[in-house]
Amino acid sequence: MKTALYSRVSTDKQSNGLEAQTRALTEYCNTRGITDYEIYEDFNISGVKLTRPQLDRLMEDVRSGK
C-alpha cells in the first residue's frame, strides 16, 4: 500500500515551514519502515481556496486507486 504525505503553507514567507512539515512526515515514515510514499506539497496556497492543486491531485490519485 502506498502512503500519501500532504503538506501546505499559505504564504511564500513560510517556505521553511513547508520543508519542516515534509521533513517531519518523511522522518515519521522512515522510523516506521514506511518506504512506499508519495509527497504532495502545496506552496503559497491558502486553506480557504476551493482548489489546492496538490491536494486535488492526491484526492484524484486516491479515487483512481493509485
PDB file of N, CA and C in Angstrom:
ATOM      1  N   MET A   1       0.834  -1.162   0.000  1.00  0.00           N
ATOM      2  CA  MET A   1       0.000   0.000   0.000  1.00  0.00           C
ATOM      3  C   MET A   1       0.893   1.244   0.000  1.00  0.00           C
ATOM      4  N   LYS A   2       0.531   2.216  -0.801  1.00  0.00           N
ATOM      5  CA  LYS A   2       1.273   3.471  -0.869  1.00  0.00           C
ATOM      6  C   LYS A   2       0.664   4.459   0.121  1.00  0.00           C
ATOM      7  N   THR A   3       1.510   5.262   0.727  1.00  0.00           N
ATOM      8  CA  THR A   3       1.085   6.264   1.686  1.00  0.00           C
ATOM      9  C   THR A   3       1.217   7.641   1.055  1.00  0.00           C
ATOM     10  N   ALA A   4       0.219   8.489   1.270  1.00  0.00           N
ATOM     11  CA  ALA A   4       0.242   9.858   0.764  1.00  0.00           C
ATOM     12  C   ALA A   4       0.644  10.798   1.886  1.00  0.00           C
ATOM     13  N   LEU A   5       1.596  11.677   1.595  1.00  0.00           N
ATOM     14  CA  LEU A   5       2.037  12.691   2.540  1.00  0.00           C
ATOM     15  C   LEU A   5       1.671  14.055   1.958  1.00  0.00           C
ATOM     16  N   TYR A   6       0.935  14.849   2.715  1.00  0.00           N
ATOM     17  CA  TYR A   6       0.495  16.152   2.215  1.00  0.00           C
ATOM     18  C   TYR A   6       0.934  17.255   3.170  1.00  0.00           C
ATOM     19  N   SER A   7       1.541  18.280   2.613  1.00  0.00           N
ATOM     20  CA  SER A   7       1.901  19.455   3.393  1.00  0.00           C
ATOM     21  C   SER A   7       1.541  20.702   2.589  1.00  0.00           C
ATOM     22  N   ARG A   8       1.279  21.789   3.340  1.00  0.00           N
ATOM     23  CA  ARG A   8       0.848  23.022   2.688  1.00  0.00           C
ATOM     24  C   ARG A   8       1.225  24.207   3.552  1.00  0.00           C
ATOM     25  N   VAL A   9       1.632  25.273   2.894  1.00  0.00           N
ATOM     26  CA  VAL A   9       1.781  26.567   3.547  1.00  0.00           C
ATOM     27  C   VAL A   9       1.011  27.584   2.715  1.00  0.00           C
ATOM     28  N   SER A  10       0.481  28.585   3.404  1.00  0.00           N
ATOM     29  CA  SER A  10      -0.399  29.517   2.715  1.00  0.00           C
ATOM     30  C   SER A  10       0.302  30.738   2.141  1.00  0.00           C
ATOM     31  N   THR A  11       1.531  31.013   2.569  1.00  0.00           N
ATOM     32  CA  THR A  11       2.241  32.160   2.006  1.00  0.00           C
ATOM     33  C   THR A  11       3.660  31.769   1.632  1.00  0.00           C
ATOM     34  N   ASP A  12       4.230  32.560   0.734  1.00  0.00           N
ATOM     35  CA  ASP A  12       5.605  32.278   0.306  1.00  0.00           C
ATOM     36  C   ASP A  12       6.609  32.589   1.418  1.00  0.00           C
ATOM     37  N   LYS A  13       6.181  33.270   2.465  1.00  0.00           N
ATOM     38  CA  LYS A  13       7.053  33.570   3.599  1.00  0.00           C
ATOM     39  C   LYS A  13       7.218  32.363   4.518  1.00  0.00           C
ATOM     40  N   GLN A  14       6.489  31.287   4.238  1.00  0.00           N
ATOM     41  CA  GLN A  14       6.528  30.096   5.090  1.00  0.00           C
ATOM     42  C   GLN A  14       7.262  28.928   4.442  1.00  0.00           C
ATOM     43  N   SER A  15       8.153  29.216   3.513  1.00  0.00           N
ATOM     44  CA  SER A  15       8.817  28.121   2.794  1.00  0.00           C
ATOM     45  C   SER A  15       9.536  27.171   3.736  1.00  0.00           C
ATOM     46  N   ASN A  16      10.134  27.687   4.791  1.00  0.00           N
ATOM     47  CA  ASN A  16      10.792  26.797   5.764  1.00  0.00           C
ATOM     48  C   ASN A  16       9.774  25.904   6.455  1.00  0.00           C
ATOM     49  N   GLY A  17       8.560  26.403   6.629  1.00  0.00           N
ATOM     50  CA  GLY A  17       7.502  25.609   7.242  1.00  0.00           C
ATOM     51  C   GLY A  17       7.135  24.417   6.382  1.00  0.00           C
ATOM     52  N   LEU A  18       7.115  24.621   5.079  1.00  0.00           N
ATOM     53  CA  LEU A  18       6.807  23.518   4.160  1.00  0.00           C
ATOM     54  C   LEU A  18       7.902  22.460   4.233  1.00  0.00           C
ATOM     55  N   GLU A  19       9.137  22.907   4.229  1.00  0.00           N
ATOM     56  CA  GLU A  19      10.258  21.968   4.332  1.00  0.00           C
ATOM     57  C   GLU A  19      10.209  21.209   5.662  1.00  0.00           C
ATOM     58  N   ALA A  20       9.882  21.909   6.725  1.00  0.00           N
ATOM     59  CA  ALA A  20       9.812  21.275   8.048  1.00  0.00           C
ATOM     60  C   ALA A  20       8.685  20.253   8.108  1.00  0.00           C
ATOM     61  N   GLN A  21       7.535  20.589   7.537  1.00  0.00           N
ATOM     62  CA  GLN A  21       6.415  19.649   7.520  1.00  0.00           C
ATOM     63  C   GLN A  21       6.781  18.385   6.748  1.00  0.00           C
ATOM     64  N   THR A  22       7.352  18.577   5.567  1.00  0.00           N
ATOM     65  CA  THR A  22       7.713  17.441   4.723  1.00  0.00           C
ATOM     66  C   THR A  22       8.786  16.586   5.383  1.00  0.00           C
ATOM     67  N   ARG A  23       9.755  17.238   5.996  1.00  0.00           N
ATOM     68  CA  ARG A  23      10.815  16.506   6.707  1.00  0.00           C
ATOM     69  C   ARG A  23      10.222  15.686   7.856  1.00  0.00           C
ATOM     70  N   ALA A  24       9.312  16.279   8.616  1.00  0.00           N
ATOM     71  CA  ALA A  24       8.685  15.558   9.730  1.00  0.00           C
ATOM     72  C   ALA A  24       7.878  14.364   9.227  1.00  0.00           C
ATOM     73  N   LEU A  25       7.153  14.543   8.133  1.00  0.00           N
ATOM     74  CA  LEU A  25       6.353  13.441   7.586  1.00  0.00           C
ATOM     75  C   LEU A  25       7.228  12.309   7.070  1.00  0.00           C
ATOM     76  N   THR A  26       8.302  12.655   6.362  1.00  0.00           N
ATOM     77  CA  THR A  26       9.178  11.601   5.839  1.00  0.00           C
ATOM     78  C   THR A  26       9.936  10.908   6.966  1.00  0.00           C
ATOM     79  N   GLU A  27      10.343  11.661   7.991  1.00  0.00           N
ATOM     80  CA  GLU A  27      11.000  11.033   9.139  1.00  0.00           C
ATOM     81  C   GLU A  27      10.047  10.075   9.852  1.00  0.00           C
ATOM     82  N   TYR A  28       8.789  10.473   9.980  1.00  0.00           N
ATOM     83  CA  TYR A  28       7.775   9.605  10.586  1.00  0.00           C
ATOM     84  C   TYR A  28       7.695   8.287   9.818  1.00  0.00           C
ATOM     85  N   CYS A  29       7.621   8.390   8.499  1.00  0.00           N
ATOM     86  CA  CYS A  29       7.536   7.176   7.681  1.00  0.00           C
ATOM     87  C   CYS A  29       8.804   6.341   7.810  1.00  0.00           C
ATOM     88  N   ASN A  30       9.943   6.992   7.730  1.00  0.00           N
ATOM     89  CA  ASN A  30      11.212   6.260   7.779  1.00  0.00           C
ATOM     90  C   ASN A  30      11.399   5.531   9.102  1.00  0.00           C
ATOM     91  N   THR A  31      11.008   6.136  10.211  1.00  0.00           N
ATOM     92  CA  THR A  31      11.183   5.474  11.505  1.00  0.00           C
ATOM     93  C   THR A  31      10.219   4.311  11.687  1.00  0.00           C
ATOM     94  N   ARG A  32       9.173   4.276  10.885  1.00  0.00           N
ATOM     95  CA  ARG A  32       8.199   3.186  10.982  1.00  0.00           C
ATOM     96  C   ARG A  32       8.302   2.193   9.834  1.00  0.00           C
ATOM     97  N   GLY A  33       9.349   2.347   9.034  1.00  0.00           N
ATOM     98  CA  GLY A  33       9.581   1.405   7.943  1.00  0.00           C
ATOM     99  C   GLY A  33       8.672   1.600   6.747  1.00  0.00           C
ATOM    100  N   ILE A  34       8.033   2.744   6.660  1.00  0.00           N
ATOM    101  CA  ILE A  34       7.163   3.041   5.510  1.00  0.00           C
ATOM    102  C   ILE A  34       8.043   3.633   4.423  1.00  0.00           C
ATOM    103  N   THR A  35       8.184   2.896   3.330  1.00  0.00           N
ATOM    104  CA  THR A  35       9.074   3.351   2.261  1.00  0.00           C
ATOM    105  C   THR A  35       8.336   3.702   0.979  1.00  0.00           C
ATOM    106  N   ASP A  36       7.115   3.228   0.844  1.00  0.00           N
ATOM    107  CA  ASP A  36       6.353   3.486  -0.378  1.00  0.00           C
ATOM    108  C   ASP A  36       5.383   4.636  -0.121  1.00  0.00           C
ATOM    109  N   TYR A  37       5.869   5.859  -0.355  1.00  0.00           N
ATOM    110  CA  TYR A  37       5.022   7.023  -0.143  1.00  0.00           C
ATOM    111  C   TYR A  37       5.234   8.033  -1.258  1.00  0.00           C
ATOM    112  N   GLU A  38       4.253   8.889  -1.423  1.00  0.00           N
ATOM    113  CA  GLU A  38       4.337   9.981  -2.381  1.00  0.00           C
ATOM    114  C   GLU A  38       4.057  11.271  -1.635  1.00  0.00           C
ATOM    115  N   ILE A  39       4.828  12.283  -1.961  1.00  0.00           N
ATOM    116  CA  ILE A  39       4.710  13.574  -1.290  1.00  0.00           C
ATOM    117  C   ILE A  39       3.930  14.539  -2.188  1.00  0.00           C
ATOM    118  N   TYR A  40       2.951  15.178  -1.592  1.00  0.00           N
ATOM    119  CA  TYR A  40       2.154  16.203  -2.260  1.00  0.00           C
ATOM    120  C   TYR A  40       2.339  17.490  -1.462  1.00  0.00           C
ATOM    121  N   GLU A  41       2.768  18.562  -2.125  1.00  0.00           N
ATOM    122  CA  GLU A  41       3.044  19.816  -1.430  1.00  0.00           C
ATOM    123  C   GLU A  41       2.356  20.975  -2.155  1.00  0.00           C
ATOM    124  N   ASP A  42       1.599  21.737  -1.413  1.00  0.00           N
ATOM    125  CA  ASP A  42       1.027  22.976  -1.943  1.00  0.00           C
ATOM    126  C   ASP A  42       1.760  24.136  -1.284  1.00  0.00           C
ATOM    127  N   PHE A  43       2.360  24.969  -2.101  1.00  0.00           N
ATOM    128  CA  PHE A  43       3.142  26.108  -1.635  1.00  0.00           C
ATOM    129  C   PHE A  43       2.429  27.399  -2.010  1.00  0.00           C
ATOM    130  N   ASN A  44       2.273  28.281  -1.040  1.00  0.00           N
ATOM    131  CA  ASN A  44       1.631  29.569  -1.269  1.00  0.00           C
ATOM    132  C   ASN A  44       0.160  29.400  -1.674  1.00  0.00           C
ATOM    133  N   ILE A  45      -0.503  28.422  -1.064  1.00  0.00           N
ATOM    134  CA  ILE A  45      -1.903  28.129  -1.352  1.00  0.00           C
ATOM    135  C   ILE A  45      -2.690  28.232  -0.046  1.00  0.00           C
ATOM    136  N   SER A  46      -3.630  29.151   0.006  1.00  0.00           N
ATOM    137  CA  SER A  46      -4.442  29.334   1.201  1.00  0.00           C
ATOM    138  C   SER A  46      -5.365  28.142   1.425  1.00  0.00           C
ATOM    139  N   GLY A  47      -5.606  27.815   2.684  1.00  0.00           N
ATOM    140  CA  GLY A  47      -6.532  26.737   3.015  1.00  0.00           C
ATOM    141  C   GLY A  47      -7.973  27.100   2.724  1.00  0.00           C
ATOM    142  N   VAL A  48      -8.252  28.380   2.491  1.00  0.00           N
ATOM    143  CA  VAL A  48      -9.609  28.845   2.209  1.00  0.00           C
ATOM    144  C   VAL A  48      -9.992  28.592   0.743  1.00  0.00           C
ATOM    145  N   LYS A  49      -8.994  28.452  -0.115  1.00  0.00           N
ATOM    146  CA  LYS A  49      -9.264  28.262  -1.547  1.00  0.00           C
ATOM    147  C   LYS A  49     -10.047  26.981  -1.792  1.00  0.00           C
ATOM    148  N   LEU A  50     -10.914  27.031  -2.766  1.00  0.00           N
ATOM    149  CA  LEU A  50     -11.713  25.863  -3.116  1.00  0.00           C
ATOM    150  C   LEU A  50     -10.872  24.779  -3.775  1.00  0.00           C
ATOM    151  N   THR A  51      -9.820  25.187  -4.430  1.00  0.00           N
ATOM    152  CA  THR A  51      -8.970  24.211  -5.086  1.00  0.00           C
ATOM    153  C   THR A  51      -7.526  24.391  -4.625  1.00  0.00           C
ATOM    154  N   ARG A  52      -6.892  23.281  -4.337  1.00  0.00           N
ATOM    155  CA  ARG A  52      -5.477  23.253  -3.987  1.00  0.00           C
ATOM    156  C   ARG A  52      -4.866  22.201  -4.906  1.00  0.00           C
ATOM    157  N   PRO A  53      -4.020  22.605  -5.844  1.00  0.00           N
ATOM    158  CA  PRO A  53      -3.559  21.697  -6.901  1.00  0.00           C
ATOM    159  C   PRO A  53      -3.050  20.342  -6.418  1.00  0.00           C
ATOM    160  N   GLN A  54      -2.166  20.322  -5.431  1.00  0.00           N
ATOM    161  CA  GLN A  54      -1.601  19.043  -4.998  1.00  0.00           C
ATOM    162  C   GLN A  54      -2.590  18.224  -4.173  1.00  0.00           C
ATOM    163  N   LEU A  55      -3.410  18.891  -3.374  1.00  0.00           N
ATOM    164  CA  LEU A  55      -4.449  18.163  -2.646  1.00  0.00           C
ATOM    165  C   LEU A  55      -5.454  17.574  -3.633  1.00  0.00           C
ATOM    166  N   ASP A  56      -5.804  18.329  -4.661  1.00  0.00           N
ATOM    167  CA  ASP A  56      -6.707  17.815  -5.695  1.00  0.00           C
ATOM    168  C   ASP A  56      -6.097  16.604  -6.396  1.00  0.00           C
ATOM    169  N   ARG A  57      -4.781  16.682  -6.687  1.00  0.00           N
ATOM    170  CA  ARG A  57      -4.097  15.550  -7.334  1.00  0.00           C
ATOM    171  C   ARG A  57      -4.069  14.342  -6.411  1.00  0.00           C
ATOM    172  N   LEU A  58      -3.803  14.570  -5.131  1.00  0.00           N
ATOM    173  CA  LEU A  58      -3.810  13.482  -4.152  1.00  0.00           C
ATOM    174  C   LEU A  58      -5.175  12.796  -4.128  1.00  0.00           C
ATOM    175  N   MET A  59      -6.235  13.589  -4.059  1.00  0.00           N
ATOM    176  CA  MET A  59      -7.588  13.016  -3.998  1.00  0.00           C
ATOM    177  C   MET A  59      -7.923  12.260  -5.280  1.00  0.00           C
ATOM    178  N   GLU A  60      -7.489  12.770  -6.410  1.00  0.00           N
ATOM    179  CA  GLU A  60      -7.723  12.061  -7.671  1.00  0.00           C
ATOM    180  C   GLU A  60      -6.948  10.746  -7.693  1.00  0.00           C
ATOM    181  N   ASP A  61      -5.720  10.758  -7.203  1.00  0.00           N
ATOM    182  CA  ASP A  61      -4.935   9.525  -7.128  1.00  0.00           C
ATOM    183  C   ASP A  61      -5.619   8.498  -6.232  1.00  0.00           C
ATOM    184  N   VAL A  62      -6.184   8.944  -5.117  1.00  0.00           N
ATOM    185  CA  VAL A  62      -6.895   8.035  -4.216  1.00  0.00           C
ATOM    186  C   VAL A  62      -8.128   7.463  -4.920  1.00  0.00           C
ATOM    187  N   ARG A  63      -8.895   8.330  -5.558  1.00  0.00           N
ATOM    188  CA  ARG A  63     -10.113   7.866  -6.258  1.00  0.00           C
ATOM    189  C   ARG A  63      -9.794   6.847  -7.359  1.00  0.00           C
ATOM    190  N   SER A  64      -8.656   7.042  -8.014  1.00  0.00           N
ATOM    191  CA  SER A  64      -8.301   6.145  -9.119  1.00  0.00           C
ATOM    192  C   SER A  64      -7.555   4.903  -8.639  1.00  0.00           C
ATOM    193  N   GLY A  65      -7.339   4.799  -7.346  1.00  0.00           N
ATOM    194  CA  GLY A  65      -6.715   3.594  -6.801  1.00  0.00           C
ATOM    195  C   GLY A  65      -5.199   3.594  -6.820  1.00  0.00           C
ATOM    196  N   LYS A  66      -4.597   4.720  -7.076  1.00  0.00           N
ATOM    197  CA  LYS A  66      -3.127   4.770  -7.085  1.00  0.00           C
ATOM    198  C   LYS A  66      -2.620   4.694  -5.677  1.00  0.00           C
TER     199      LYS A  66
END
